[in-house]
Amino acid sequence: MADVRPERRRATRVQPATERRLGLRVSLPVKVLDVSRSGVLLGSKSELAIGERAELRASVGSRSLTVTIEIRHLSTEPKARGGLQYRAGAVFVMLTAEQRLLLEQLLGAEPT
């Protein structure tokens, strides 16, 4: 005997005629393992994809920086401490002059 329940949805759902892609903004906790003027090495419990772009937000004291990064390298560490199983090398993408200056200040480097 089939389990028949009344429909509770307010709107009818339909399958798309063709395949569609949907991008979602998702926050993912990562640990910054090292950083340079050109990029960053991240530790993560979640696997990232080469070519994937994301916004990296970092703060040091009262200073904060938000930059776009692109994942270029991936590796795994099955016995990593703290459950950080993945390492992702990323480069900074299209830094503005202001972002570059703030990054250099956060690194304690002399501006170039």
PDB file of N, CA and C in Angstrom:
ATOM      1  N   MET A   1       0.833  -1.181   0.000  1.00  0.00           N
ATOM      2  CA  MET A   1       0.000   0.000   0.000  1.00  0.00           C
ATOM      3  C   MET A   1       0.880   1.246   0.000  1.00  0.00           C
ATOM      4  N   ALA A   2       0.635   2.166  -0.895  1.00  0.00           N
ATOM      5  CA  ALA A   2       1.430   3.376  -1.042  1.00  0.00           C
ATOM      6  C   ALA A   2       1.113   4.366   0.064  1.00  0.00           C
ATOM      7  N   ASP A   3       2.157   5.064   0.489  1.00  0.00           N
ATOM      8  CA  ASP A   3       2.001   6.093   1.524  1.00  0.00           C
ATOM      9  C   ASP A   3       1.612   7.395   0.818  1.00  0.00           C
ATOM     10  N   VAL A   4       0.383   7.796   0.920  1.00  0.00           N
ATOM     11  CA  VAL A   4      -0.103   8.987   0.242  1.00  0.00           C
ATOM     12  C   VAL A   4      -0.293  10.093   1.287  1.00  0.00           C
ATOM     13  N   ARG A   5       0.483  11.167   1.108  1.00  0.00           N
ATOM     14  CA  ARG A   5       0.395  12.307   2.014  1.00  0.00           C
ATOM     15  C   ARG A   5      -0.021  13.528   1.216  1.00  0.00           C
ATOM     16  N   PRO A   6      -0.680  14.438   1.837  1.00  0.00           N
ATOM     17  CA  PRO A   6      -1.059  15.657   1.116  1.00  0.00           C
ATOM     18  C   PRO A   6       0.196  16.492   0.794  1.00  0.00           C
ATOM     19  N   GLU A   7       0.196  17.129  -0.346  1.00  0.00           N
ATOM     20  CA  GLU A   7       1.306  17.989  -0.762  1.00  0.00           C
ATOM     21  C   GLU A   7       1.364  19.217   0.138  1.00  0.00           C
ATOM     22  N   ARG A   8       2.559  19.483   0.712  1.00  0.00           N
ATOM     23  CA  ARG A   8       2.713  20.626   1.613  1.00  0.00           C
ATOM     24  C   ARG A   8       3.425  21.794   0.942  1.00  0.00           C
ATOM     25  N   ARG A   9       3.999  21.592  -0.227  1.00  0.00           N
ATOM     26  CA  ARG A   9       4.707  22.667  -0.917  1.00  0.00           C
ATOM     27  C   ARG A   9       3.717  23.716  -1.402  1.00  0.00           C
ATOM     28  N   ARG A  10       4.170  24.951  -1.376  1.00  0.00           N
ATOM     29  CA  ARG A  10       3.315  26.051  -1.843  1.00  0.00           C
ATOM     30  C   ARG A  10       3.444  26.251  -3.346  1.00  0.00           C
ATOM     31  N   ALA A  11       4.556  25.766  -3.910  1.00  0.00           N
ATOM     32  CA  ALA A  11       4.787  25.922  -5.347  1.00  0.00           C
ATOM     33  C   ALA A  11       5.185  24.569  -5.932  1.00  0.00           C
ATOM     34  N   THR A  12       4.775  24.328  -7.160  1.00  0.00           N
ATOM     35  CA  THR A  12       5.094  23.078  -7.845  1.00  0.00           C
ATOM     36  C   THR A  12       6.556  23.086  -8.253  1.00  0.00           C
ATOM     37  N   ARG A  13       7.239  21.965  -8.083  1.00  0.00           N
ATOM     38  CA  ARG A  13       8.625  21.819  -8.513  1.00  0.00           C
ATOM     39  C   ARG A  13       8.660  21.049  -9.823  1.00  0.00           C
ATOM     40  N   VAL A  14       9.563  21.485 -10.714  1.00  0.00           N
ATOM     41  CA  VAL A  14       9.725  20.796 -11.995  1.00  0.00           C
ATOM     42  C   VAL A  14      11.206  20.565 -12.246  1.00  0.00           C
ATOM     43  N   GLN A  15      11.545  19.541 -13.021  1.00  0.00           N
ATOM     44  CA  GLN A  15      12.910  19.268 -13.415  1.00  0.00           C
ATOM     45  C   GLN A  15      13.277  20.190 -14.575  1.00  0.00           C
ATOM     46  N   PRO A  16      14.479  20.808 -14.572  1.00  0.00           N
ATOM     47  CA  PRO A  16      14.878  21.638 -15.712  1.00  0.00           C
ATOM     48  C   PRO A  16      15.032  20.783 -16.964  1.00  0.00           C
ATOM     49  N   ALA A  17      14.738  21.365 -18.117  1.00  0.00           N
ATOM     50  CA  ALA A  17      14.815  20.649 -19.383  1.00  0.00           C
ATOM     51  C   ALA A  17      16.268  20.325 -19.742  1.00  0.00           C
ATOM     52  N   THR A  18      17.213  21.214 -19.357  1.00  0.00           N
ATOM     53  CA  THR A  18      18.625  20.981 -19.612  1.00  0.00           C
ATOM     54  C   THR A  18      19.384  21.136 -18.296  1.00  0.00           C
ATOM     55  N   GLU A  19      20.617  20.605 -18.274  1.00  0.00           N
ATOM     56  CA  GLU A  19      21.420  20.688 -17.056  1.00  0.00           C
ATOM     57  C   GLU A  19      21.784  22.135 -16.763  1.00  0.00           C
ATOM     58  N   ARG A  20      21.666  22.526 -15.511  1.00  0.00           N
ATOM     59  CA  ARG A  20      21.991  23.891 -15.081  1.00  0.00           C
ATOM     60  C   ARG A  20      23.039  23.827 -13.984  1.00  0.00           C
ATOM     61  N   ARG A  21      23.889  24.857 -13.919  1.00  0.00           N
ATOM     62  CA  ARG A  21      24.872  24.964 -12.839  1.00  0.00           C
ATOM     63  C   ARG A  21      24.469  26.115 -11.944  1.00  0.00           C
ATOM     64  N   LEU A  22      24.672  25.929 -10.673  1.00  0.00           N
ATOM     65  CA  LEU A  22      24.338  26.942  -9.689  1.00  0.00           C
ATOM     66  C   LEU A  22      25.549  27.159  -8.802  1.00  0.00           C
ATOM     67  N   GLY A  23      25.951  28.396  -8.644  1.00  0.00           N
ATOM     68  CA  GLY A  23      27.063  28.710  -7.755  1.00  0.00           C
ATOM     69  C   GLY A  23      26.532  29.175  -6.411  1.00  0.00           C
ATOM     70  N   LEU A  24      27.115  28.669  -5.355  1.00  0.00           N
ATOM     71  CA  LEU A  24      26.714  29.052  -4.008  1.00  0.00           C
ATOM     72  C   LEU A  24      27.906  29.654  -3.280  1.00  0.00           C
ATOM     73  N   ARG A  25      27.666  30.687  -2.511  1.00  0.00           N
ATOM     74  CA  ARG A  25      28.717  31.243  -1.665  1.00  0.00           C
ATOM     75  C   ARG A  25      28.678  30.485  -0.347  1.00  0.00           C
ATOM     76  N   VAL A  26      29.752  29.778  -0.089  1.00  0.00           N
ATOM     77  CA  VAL A  26      29.831  28.953   1.108  1.00  0.00           C
ATOM     78  C   VAL A  26      31.079  29.357   1.877  1.00  0.00           C
ATOM     79  N   SER A  27      30.943  29.491   3.162  1.00  0.00           N
ATOM     80  CA  SER A  27      32.087  29.796   4.002  1.00  0.00           C
ATOM     81  C   SER A  27      32.727  28.492   4.447  1.00  0.00           C
ATOM     82  N   LEU A  28      34.040  28.399   4.280  1.00  0.00           N
ATOM     83  CA  LEU A  28      34.769  27.183   4.609  1.00  0.00           C
ATOM     84  C   LEU A  28      35.937  27.559   5.519  1.00  0.00           C
ATOM     85  N   PRO A  29      36.003  26.979   6.713  1.00  0.00           N
ATOM     86  CA  PRO A  29      37.129  27.311   7.590  1.00  0.00           C
ATOM     87  C   PRO A  29      38.421  26.694   7.066  1.00  0.00           C
ATOM     88  N   VAL A  30      39.464  27.503   6.989  1.00  0.00           N
ATOM     89  CA  VAL A  30      40.787  27.049   6.579  1.00  0.00           C
ATOM     90  C   VAL A  30      41.804  27.644   7.537  1.00  0.00           C
ATOM     91  N   LYS A  31      42.976  27.046   7.568  1.00  0.00           N
ATOM     92  CA  LYS A  31      44.068  27.578   8.370  1.00  0.00           C
ATOM     93  C   LYS A  31      45.143  28.067   7.414  1.00  0.00           C
ATOM     94  N   VAL A  32      45.588  29.299   7.588  1.00  0.00           N
ATOM     95  CA  VAL A  32      46.666  29.837   6.764  1.00  0.00           C
ATOM     96  C   VAL A  32      47.973  29.277   7.321  1.00  0.00           C
ATOM     97  N   LEU A  33      48.654  28.453   6.509  1.00  0.00           N
ATOM     98  CA  LEU A  33      49.898  27.820   6.941  1.00  0.00           C
ATOM     99  C   LEU A  33      51.103  28.702   6.645  1.00  0.00           C
ATOM    100  N   ASP A  34      51.073  29.388   5.511  1.00  0.00           N
ATOM    101  CA  ASP A  34      52.076  30.417   5.222  1.00  0.00           C
ATOM    102  C   ASP A  34      51.532  31.354   4.158  1.00  0.00           C
ATOM    103  N   VAL A  35      52.128  32.533   4.103  1.00  0.00           N
ATOM    104  CA  VAL A  35      51.651  33.551   3.170  1.00  0.00           C
ATOM    105  C   VAL A  35      52.850  34.334   2.643  1.00  0.00           C
ATOM    106  N   SER A  36      52.755  34.749   1.383  1.00  0.00           N
ATOM    107  CA  SER A  36      53.785  35.573   0.765  1.00  0.00           C
ATOM    108  C   SER A  36      53.103  36.687  -0.011  1.00  0.00           C
ATOM    109  N   ARG A  37      53.890  37.481  -0.704  1.00  0.00           N
ATOM    110  CA  ARG A  37      53.307  38.556  -1.515  1.00  0.00           C
ATOM    111  C   ARG A  37      52.480  38.017  -2.679  1.00  0.00           C
ATOM    112  N   SER A  38      52.762  36.796  -3.118  1.00  0.00           N
ATOM    113  CA  SER A  38      52.075  36.276  -4.301  1.00  0.00           C
ATOM    114  C   SER A  38      51.002  35.241  -4.011  1.00  0.00           C
ATOM    115  N   GLY A  39      51.016  34.646  -2.803  1.00  0.00           N
ATOM    116  CA  GLY A  39      50.021  33.611  -2.556  1.00  0.00           C
ATOM    117  C   GLY A  39      50.015  33.121  -1.120  1.00  0.00           C
ATOM    118  N   VAL A  40      49.316  32.003  -0.944  1.00  0.00           N
ATOM    119  CA  VAL A  40      49.061  31.497   0.399  1.00  0.00           C
ATOM    120  C   VAL A  40      48.971  29.975   0.356  1.00  0.00           C
ATOM    121  N   LEU A  41      49.401  29.327   1.450  1.00  0.00           N
ATOM    122  CA  LEU A  41      49.235  27.891   1.608  1.00  0.00           C
ATOM    123  C   LEU A  41      48.190  27.686   2.689  1.00  0.00           C
ATOM    124  N   LEU A  42      47.145  26.928   2.353  1.00  0.00           N
ATOM    125  CA  LEU A  42      46.019  26.716   3.255  1.00  0.00           C
ATOM    126  C   LEU A  42      45.947  25.268   3.702  1.00  0.00           C
ATOM    127  N   GLY A  43      45.530  25.061   4.931  1.00  0.00           N
ATOM    128  CA  GLY A  43      45.208  23.738   5.434  1.00  0.00           C
ATOM    129  C   GLY A  43      43.705  23.666   5.598  1.00  0.00           C
ATOM    130  N   SER A  44      43.106  22.547   5.213  1.00  0.00           N
ATOM    131  CA  SER A  44      41.654  22.430   5.242  1.00  0.00           C
ATOM    132  C   SER A  44      41.224  21.005   5.549  1.00  0.00           C
ATOM    133  N   LYS A  45      40.086  20.869   6.179  1.00  0.00           N
ATOM    134  CA  LYS A  45      39.491  19.554   6.391  1.00  0.00           C
ATOM    135  C   LYS A  45      38.683  19.131   5.163  1.00  0.00           C
ATOM    136  N   SER A  46      38.394  20.100   4.290  1.00  0.00           N
ATOM    137  CA  SER A  46      37.611  19.834   3.086  1.00  0.00           C
ATOM    138  C   SER A  46      38.495  19.935   1.852  1.00  0.00           C
ATOM    139  N   GLU A  47      38.207  19.103   0.871  1.00  0.00           N
ATOM    140  CA  GLU A  47      38.965  19.114  -0.373  1.00  0.00           C
ATOM    141  C   GLU A  47      38.550  20.312  -1.219  1.00  0.00           C
ATOM    142  N   LEU A  48      39.537  20.991  -1.799  1.00  0.00           N
ATOM    143  CA  LEU A  48      39.292  22.106  -2.702  1.00  0.00           C
ATOM    144  C   LEU A  48      39.646  21.649  -4.109  1.00  0.00           C
ATOM    145  N   ALA A  49      39.257  22.407  -5.116  1.00  0.00           N
ATOM    146  CA  ALA A  49      39.508  22.016  -6.504  1.00  0.00           C
ATOM    147  C   ALA A  49      40.490  22.979  -7.164  1.00  0.00           C
ATOM    148  N   ILE A  50      41.423  22.429  -7.939  1.00  0.00           N
ATOM    149  CA  ILE A  50      42.349  23.261  -8.698  1.00  0.00           C
ATOM    150  C   ILE A  50      41.544  24.126  -9.657  1.00  0.00           C
ATOM    151  N   GLY A  51      41.899  25.406  -9.704  1.00  0.00           N
ATOM    152  CA  GLY A  51      41.183  26.360 -10.555  1.00  0.00           C
ATOM    153  C   GLY A  51      40.043  27.062  -9.845  1.00  0.00           C
ATOM    154  N   GLU A  52      39.646  26.546  -8.696  1.00  0.00           N
ATOM    155  CA  GLU A  52      38.553  27.155  -7.931  1.00  0.00           C
ATOM    156  C   GLU A  52      39.007  28.504  -7.402  1.00  0.00           C
ATOM    157  N   ARG A  53      38.116  29.476  -7.442  1.00  0.00           N
ATOM    158  CA  ARG A  53      38.400  30.804  -6.893  1.00  0.00           C
ATOM    159  C   ARG A  53      37.543  31.032  -5.662  1.00  0.00           C
ATOM    160  N   ALA A  54      38.102  31.802  -4.750  1.00  0.00           N
ATOM    161  CA  ALA A  54      37.394  32.081  -3.502  1.00  0.00           C
ATOM    162  C   ALA A  54      37.871  33.417  -2.960  1.00  0.00           C
ATOM    163  N   GLU A  55      37.133  33.948  -2.011  1.00  0.00           N
ATOM    164  CA  GLU A  55      37.557  35.142  -1.298  1.00  0.00           C
ATOM    165  C   GLU A  55      38.198  34.701   0.003  1.00  0.00           C
ATOM    166  N   LEU A  56      39.392  35.185   0.255  1.00  0.00           N
ATOM    167  CA  LEU A  56      40.089  34.898   1.498  1.00  0.00           C
ATOM    168  C   LEU A  56      40.015  36.152   2.356  1.00  0.00           C
ATOM    169  N   ARG A  57      39.499  35.988   3.557  1.00  0.00           N
ATOM    170  CA  ARG A  57      39.407  37.106   4.497  1.00  0.00           C
ATOM    171  C   ARG A  57      40.358  36.827   5.643  1.00  0.00           C
ATOM    172  N   ALA A  58      41.229  37.784   5.928  1.00  0.00           N
ATOM    173  CA  ALA A  58      42.198  37.616   6.998  1.00  0.00           C
ATOM    174  C   ALA A  58      42.251  38.883   7.839  1.00  0.00           C
ATOM    175  N   SER A  59      42.534  38.717   9.116  1.00  0.00           N
ATOM    176  CA  SER A  59      42.665  39.849  10.025  1.00  0.00           C
ATOM    177  C   SER A  59      43.901  39.669  10.882  1.00  0.00           C
ATOM    178  N   VAL A  60      44.567  40.772  11.117  1.00  0.00           N
ATOM    179  CA  VAL A  60      45.657  40.824  12.072  1.00  0.00           C
ATOM    180  C   VAL A  60      45.433  42.076  12.891  1.00  0.00           C
ATOM    181  N   GLY A  61      45.115  41.884  14.173  1.00  0.00           N
ATOM    182  CA  GLY A  61      44.778  43.031  15.017  1.00  0.00           C
ATOM    183  C   GLY A  61      43.548  43.731  14.478  1.00  0.00           C
ATOM    184  N   SER A  62      43.640  45.033  14.283  1.00  0.00           N
ATOM    185  CA  SER A  62      42.500  45.801  13.775  1.00  0.00           C
ATOM    186  C   SER A  62      42.477  45.868  12.253  1.00  0.00           C
ATOM    187  N   ARG A  63      43.486  45.312  11.602  1.00  0.00           N
ATOM    188  CA  ARG A  63      43.562  45.338  10.140  1.00  0.00           C
ATOM    189  C   ARG A  63      42.921  44.095   9.548  1.00  0.00           C
ATOM    190  N   SER A  64      42.212  44.281   8.455  1.00  0.00           N
ATOM    191  CA  SER A  64      41.630  43.126   7.772  1.00  0.00           C
ATOM    192  C   SER A  64      41.835  43.279   6.269  1.00  0.00           C
ATOM    193  N   LEU A  65      41.856  42.143   5.607  1.00  0.00           N
ATOM    194  CA  LEU A  65      42.114  42.100   4.172  1.00  0.00           C
ATOM    195  C   LEU A  65      41.218  41.050   3.544  1.00  0.00           C
ATOM    196  N   THR A  66      40.588  41.380   2.433  1.00  0.00           N
ATOM    197  CA  THR A  66      39.805  40.429   1.659  1.00  0.00           C
ATOM    198  C   THR A  66      40.360  40.432   0.242  1.00  0.00           C
ATOM    199  N   VAL A  67      40.812  39.256  -0.222  1.00  0.00           N
ATOM    200  CA  VAL A  67      41.391  39.138  -1.556  1.00  0.00           C
ATOM    201  C   VAL A  67      40.834  37.900  -2.251  1.00  0.00           C
ATOM    202  N   THR A  68      40.858  37.942  -3.573  1.00  0.00           N
ATOM    203  CA  THR A  68      40.463  36.777  -4.358  1.00  0.00           C
ATOM    204  C   THR A  68      41.685  35.891  -4.535  1.00  0.00           C
ATOM    205  N   ILE A  69      41.493  34.581  -4.328  1.00  0.00           N
ATOM    206  CA  ILE A  69      42.563  33.613  -4.527  1.00  0.00           C
ATOM    207  C   ILE A  69      42.112  32.570  -5.538  1.00  0.00           C
ATOM    208  N   GLU A  70      43.087  31.924  -6.168  1.00  0.00           N
ATOM    209  CA  GLU A  70      42.813  30.811  -7.075  1.00  0.00           C
ATOM    210  C   GLU A  70      43.670  29.628  -6.662  1.00  0.00           C
ATOM    211  N   ILE A  71      43.041  28.486  -6.467  1.00  0.00           N
ATOM    212  CA  ILE A  71      43.741  27.277  -6.048  1.00  0.00           C
ATOM    213  C   ILE A  71      44.580  26.769  -7.223  1.00  0.00           C
ATOM    214  N   ARG A  72      45.886  26.551  -6.990  1.00  0.00           N
ATOM    215  CA  ARG A  72      46.792  26.086  -8.038  1.00  0.00           C
ATOM    216  C   ARG A  72      47.361  24.699  -7.760  1.00  0.00           C
ATOM    217  N   HIS A  73      47.525  24.343  -6.482  1.00  0.00           N
ATOM    218  CA  HIS A  73      48.137  23.059  -6.122  1.00  0.00           C
ATOM    219  C   HIS A  73      47.355  22.433  -4.983  1.00  0.00           C
ATOM    220  N   LEU A  74      47.284  21.108  -4.990  1.00  0.00           N
ATOM    221  CA  LEU A  74      46.615  20.375  -3.919  1.00  0.00           C
ATOM    222  C   LEU A  74      47.469  19.199  -3.490  1.00  0.00           C
ATOM    223  N   SER A  75      47.428  18.897  -2.201  1.00  0.00           N
ATOM    224  CA  SER A  75      48.069  17.688  -1.699  1.00  0.00           C
ATOM    225  C   SER A  75      47.283  17.212  -0.483  1.00  0.00           C
ATOM    226  N   THR A  76      47.486  15.959  -0.138  1.00  0.00           N
ATOM    227  CA  THR A  76      46.792  15.405   1.024  1.00  0.00           C
ATOM    228  C   THR A  76      47.812  14.951   2.048  1.00  0.00           C
ATOM    229  N   GLU A  77      47.395  15.013   3.305  1.00  0.00           N
ATOM    230  CA  GLU A  77      48.215  14.537   4.414  1.00  0.00           C
ATOM    231  C   GLU A  77      47.319  13.713   5.317  1.00  0.00           C
ATOM    232  N   PRO A  78      47.252  12.403   5.092  1.00  0.00           N
ATOM    233  CA  PRO A  78      46.317  11.563   5.845  1.00  0.00           C
ATOM    234  C   PRO A  78      46.559  11.537   7.348  1.00  0.00           C
ATOM    235  N   LYS A  79      47.777  11.801   7.799  1.00  0.00           N
ATOM    236  CA  LYS A  79      48.071  11.769   9.237  1.00  0.00           C
ATOM    237  C   LYS A  79      48.319  13.166   9.793  1.00  0.00           C
ATOM    238  N   ALA A  80      47.708  14.180   9.183  1.00  0.00           N
ATOM    239  CA  ALA A  80      47.933  15.557   9.605  1.00  0.00           C
ATOM    240  C   ALA A  80      47.320  15.831  10.969  1.00  0.00           C
ATOM    241  N   ARG A  81      47.958  16.719  11.719  1.00  0.00           N
ATOM    242  CA  ARG A  81      47.441  17.121  13.024  1.00  0.00           C
ATOM    243  C   ARG A  81      46.208  17.988  12.865  1.00  0.00           C
ATOM    244  N   GLY A  82      45.296  17.891  13.823  1.00  0.00           N
ATOM    245  CA  GLY A  82      44.109  18.734  13.811  1.00  0.00           C
ATOM    246  C   GLY A  82      43.126  18.410  12.717  1.00  0.00           C
ATOM    247  N   GLY A  83      43.296  17.291  12.040  1.00  0.00           N
ATOM    248  CA  GLY A  83      42.351  16.900  11.004  1.00  0.00           C
ATOM    249  C   GLY A  83      42.493  17.663   9.698  1.00  0.00           C
ATOM    250  N   LEU A  84      43.558  18.468   9.554  1.00  0.00           N
ATOM    251  CA  LEU A  84      43.752  19.210   8.315  1.00  0.00           C
ATOM    252  C   LEU A  84      44.334  18.263   7.276  1.00  0.00           C
ATOM    253  N   GLN A  85      43.464  17.587   6.575  1.00  0.00           N
ATOM    254  CA  GLN A  85      43.879  16.537   5.643  1.00  0.00           C
ATOM    255  C   GLN A  85      44.344  17.073   4.300  1.00  0.00           C
ATOM    256  N   TYR A  86      43.974  18.290   3.953  1.00  0.00           N
ATOM    257  CA  TYR A  86      44.293  18.828   2.636  1.00  0.00           C
ATOM    258  C   TYR A  86      45.138  20.084   2.759  1.00  0.00           C
ATOM    259  N   ARG A  87      46.071  20.235   1.816  1.00  0.00           N
ATOM    260  CA  ARG A  87      46.851  21.461   1.687  1.00  0.00           C
ATOM    261  C   ARG A  87      46.567  22.020   0.302  1.00  0.00           C
ATOM    262  N   ALA A  88      46.328  23.310   0.246  1.00  0.00           N
ATOM    263  CA  ALA A  88      46.020  23.959  -1.022  1.00  0.00           C
ATOM    264  C   ALA A  88      46.905  25.185  -1.188  1.00  0.00           C
ATOM    265  N   GLY A  89      47.662  25.206  -2.271  1.00  0.00           N
ATOM    266  CA  GLY A  89      48.454  26.380  -2.614  1.00  0.00           C
ATOM    267  C   GLY A  89      47.627  27.263  -3.529  1.00  0.00           C
ATOM    268  N   ALA A  90      47.529  28.539  -3.167  1.00  0.00           N
ATOM    269  CA  ALA A  90      46.705  29.467  -3.945  1.00  0.00           C
ATOM    270  C   ALA A  90      47.493  30.736  -4.239  1.00  0.00           C
ATOM    271  N   VAL A  91      47.168  31.362  -5.354  1.00  0.00           N
ATOM    272  CA  VAL A  91      47.773  32.650  -5.717  1.00  0.00           C
ATOM    273  C   VAL A  91      46.729  33.736  -5.558  1.00  0.00           C
ATOM    274  N   PHE A  92      47.199  34.942  -5.271  1.00  0.00           N
ATOM    275  CA  PHE A  92      46.308  36.087  -5.205  1.00  0.00           C
ATOM    276  C   PHE A  92      45.965  36.504  -6.628  1.00  0.00           C
ATOM    277  N   VAL A  93      44.714  36.838  -6.863  1.00  0.00           N
ATOM    278  CA  VAL A  93      44.236  37.198  -8.195  1.00  0.00           C
ATOM    279  C   VAL A  93      43.842  38.669  -8.211  1.00  0.00           C
ATOM    280  N   MET A  94      44.420  39.402  -9.151  1.00  0.00           N
ATOM    281  CA  MET A  94      44.055  40.800  -9.394  1.00  0.00           C
ATOM    282  C   MET A  94      44.034  41.648  -8.119  1.00  0.00           C
ATOM    283  N   LEU A  95      45.158  41.721  -7.428  1.00  0.00           N
ATOM    284  CA  LEU A  95      45.239  42.581  -6.249  1.00  0.00           C
ATOM    285  C   LEU A  95      45.219  44.036  -6.669  1.00  0.00           C
ATOM    286  N   THR A  96      44.443  44.826  -5.969  1.00  0.00           N
ATOM    287  CA  THR A  96      44.482  46.272  -6.203  1.00  0.00           C
ATOM    288  C   THR A  96      45.719  46.825  -5.498  1.00  0.00           C
ATOM    289  N   ALA A  97      46.087  48.048  -5.810  1.00  0.00           N
ATOM    290  CA  ALA A  97      47.241  48.673  -5.156  1.00  0.00           C
ATOM    291  C   ALA A  97      47.004  48.751  -3.652  1.00  0.00           C
ATOM    292  N   GLU A  98      45.790  49.049  -3.256  1.00  0.00           N
ATOM    293  CA  GLU A  98      45.453  49.137  -1.830  1.00  0.00           C
ATOM    294  C   GLU A  98      45.570  47.771  -1.142  1.00  0.00           C
ATOM    295  N   GLN A  99      45.087  46.719  -1.794  1.00  0.00           N
ATOM    296  CA  GLN A  99      45.189  45.369  -1.228  1.00  0.00           C
ATOM    297  C   GLN A  99      46.648  44.941  -1.116  1.00  0.00           C
ATOM    298  N   ARG A 100      47.446  45.244  -2.145  1.00  0.00           N
ATOM    299  CA  ARG A 100      48.861  44.874  -2.138  1.00  0.00           C
ATOM    300  C   ARG A 100      49.587  45.580  -0.989  1.00  0.00           C
ATOM    301  N   LEU A 101      49.306  46.865  -0.785  1.00  0.00           N
ATOM    302  CA  LEU A 101      49.929  47.621   0.290  1.00  0.00           C
ATOM    303  C   LEU A 101      49.535  47.047   1.650  1.00  0.00           C
ATOM    304  N   LEU A 102      48.258  46.755   1.836  1.00  0.00           N
ATOM    305  CA  LEU A 102      47.794  46.188   3.098  1.00  0.00           C
ATOM    306  C   LEU A 102      48.404  44.811   3.336  1.00  0.00           C
ATOM    307  N   LEU A 103      48.501  43.994   2.293  1.00  0.00           N
ATOM    308  CA  LEU A 103      49.124  42.679   2.417  1.00  0.00           C
ATOM    309  C   LEU A 103      50.578  42.828   2.869  1.00  0.00           C
ATOM    310  N   GLU A 104      51.303  43.746   2.260  1.00  0.00           N
ATOM    311  CA  GLU A 104      52.700  43.950   2.636  1.00  0.00           C
ATOM    312  C   GLU A 104      52.822  44.462   4.062  1.00  0.00           C
ATOM    313  N   GLN A 105      51.883  45.294   4.491  1.00  0.00           N
ATOM    314  CA  GLN A 105      51.888  45.767   5.876  1.00  0.00           C
ATOM    315  C   GLN A 105      51.607  44.622   6.834  1.00  0.00           C
ATOM    316  N   LEU A 106      50.652  43.749   6.484  1.00  0.00           N
ATOM    317  CA  LEU A 106      50.341  42.606   7.330  1.00  0.00           C
ATOM    318  C   LEU A 106      51.530  41.647   7.406  1.00  0.00           C
ATOM    319  N   LEU A 107      52.300  41.547   6.322  1.00  0.00           N
ATOM    320  CA  LEU A 107      53.481  40.677   6.296  1.00  0.00           C
ATOM    321  C   LEU A 107      54.681  41.319   6.987  1.00  0.00           C
ATOM    322  N   GLY A 108      54.572  42.619   7.274  1.00  0.00           N
ATOM    323  CA  GLY A 108      55.702  43.311   7.889  1.00  0.00           C
ATOM    324  C   GLY A 108      56.805  43.582   6.890  1.00  0.00           C
ATOM    325  N   ALA A 109      56.439  43.630   5.607  1.00  0.00           N
ATOM    326  CA  ALA A 109      57.420  43.838   4.540  1.00  0.00           C
ATOM    327  C   ALA A 109      57.410  45.292   4.105  1.00  0.00           C
ATOM    328  N   GLU A 110      58.503  45.703   3.508  1.00  0.00           N
ATOM    329  CA  GLU A 110      58.573  47.036   2.910  1.00  0.00           C
ATOM    330  C   GLU A 110      57.791  47.020   1.610  1.00  0.00           C
ATOM    331  N   PRO A 111      56.936  48.024   1.366  1.00  0.00           N
ATOM    332  CA  PRO A 111      56.187  48.078   0.094  1.00  0.00           C
ATOM    333  C   PRO A 111      57.139  48.118  -1.093  1.00  0.00           C
ATOM    334  N   THR A 112      56.706  47.420  -2.183  1.00  0.00           N
ATOM    335  CA  THR A 112      57.534  47.402  -3.397  1.00  0.00           C
ATOM    336  C   THR A 112      57.038  48.409  -4.390  1.00  0.00           C
TER     337      THR A 112
END
